[in-house]
Amino acid sequence: MPALTIPARDVRQGDRFSLHGFRRTASDGAWPWGEGSVTLHFEGGYAIVSADTPLVVNRDGGAPCSA
């Protein structure tokens, strides 16, 4: 499972990350919230953070996307 540093706006369902001292698993992708913020939903709640907040996530290595 590779570790990636991404902005909060790019969080996808199933991503695992640390936030406010707790390990979280995203139950949905990041959703826009107002100007420049996103909501991150996880089991037990959600957080509103700046869309540019860097997060180190662990993501399952599924098939790569192709355009």
Protein backbone atom coordinates (compact mmCIF):
# COMPACT_ATOMS: atom_id res chain seq x y z
CA MET A 1 0.00 0.00 0.00
CA PRO A 2 1.82 3.12 -1.17
CA ALA A 3 1.94 6.28 0.95
CA LEU A 4 1.11 9.43 -0.99
CA THR A 5 1.12 13.08 0.05
CA ILE A 6 -1.93 14.73 -1.50
CA PRO A 7 -4.06 17.83 -0.87
CA ALA A 8 -7.22 17.14 1.11
CA ARG A 9 -9.34 17.90 -1.98
CA ASP A 10 -8.00 14.69 -3.59
CA VAL A 11 -9.03 12.26 -0.82
CA ARG A 12 -10.94 9.26 -2.18
CA GLN A 13 -13.18 6.69 -0.51
CA GLY A 14 -11.05 4.11 1.30
CA ASP A 15 -7.99 6.36 1.72
CA ARG A 16 -6.40 5.98 5.16
CA PHE A 17 -4.85 9.07 6.78
CA SER A 18 -4.09 10.72 10.12
CA LEU A 19 -6.08 13.76 11.14
CA HIS A 20 -6.06 15.50 14.52
CA GLY A 21 -4.00 12.66 16.00
CA PHE A 22 -6.31 9.82 14.91
CA ARG A 23 -6.10 7.32 12.03
CA ARG A 24 -9.12 7.69 9.77
CA THR A 25 -10.51 5.85 6.75
CA ALA A 26 -12.45 7.99 4.29
CA SER A 27 -16.03 6.77 3.85
CA ASP A 28 -16.45 9.01 0.80
CA GLY A 29 -14.38 11.29 -1.38
CA ALA A 30 -13.70 14.90 -0.32
CA TRP A 31 -16.67 17.23 -0.87
CA PRO A 32 -16.33 21.01 -1.44
CA TRP A 33 -17.41 23.15 1.51
CA GLY A 34 -17.57 26.90 0.94
CA GLU A 35 -14.59 28.77 -0.47
CA GLY A 36 -11.41 26.69 -0.38
CA SER A 37 -12.51 24.02 2.12
CA VAL A 38 -13.61 20.39 1.89
CA THR A 39 -15.40 17.95 4.16
CA LEU A 40 -13.71 14.63 4.84
CA HIS A 41 -16.21 11.96 5.93
CA PHE A 42 -15.01 8.97 7.93
CA GLU A 43 -16.47 6.39 10.28
CA GLY A 44 -17.70 8.26 13.33
CA GLY A 45 -17.88 11.74 11.87
CA TYR A 46 -16.39 14.26 9.51
CA ALA A 47 -13.94 17.16 9.46
CA ILE A 48 -13.88 20.40 7.52
CA VAL A 49 -10.36 21.34 6.44
CA SER A 50 -8.68 23.61 3.93
CA ALA A 51 -8.70 21.99 0.49
CA ASP A 52 -4.93 22.58 0.30
CA THR A 53 -4.14 20.76 3.58
CA PRO A 54 -1.47 18.17 2.79
CA LEU A 55 -2.35 14.66 3.97
CA VAL A 56 -0.24 11.51 3.84
CA VAL A 57 -2.63 8.80 2.73
CA ASN A 58 -2.35 5.07 2.25
CA ARG A 59 -4.29 3.98 -0.79
CA ASP A 60 -4.97 0.50 -2.15
CA GLY A 61 -3.07 0.01 -5.38
CA GLY A 62 -5.96 -0.66 -7.75
CA ALA A 63 -5.69 -0.62 -11.51
CA PRO A 64 -4.26 2.63 -12.87
CA CYS A 65 -6.62 5.02 -14.61
CA SER A 66 -6.22 5.48 -18.35
CA ALA A 67 -7.39 8.40 -20.41
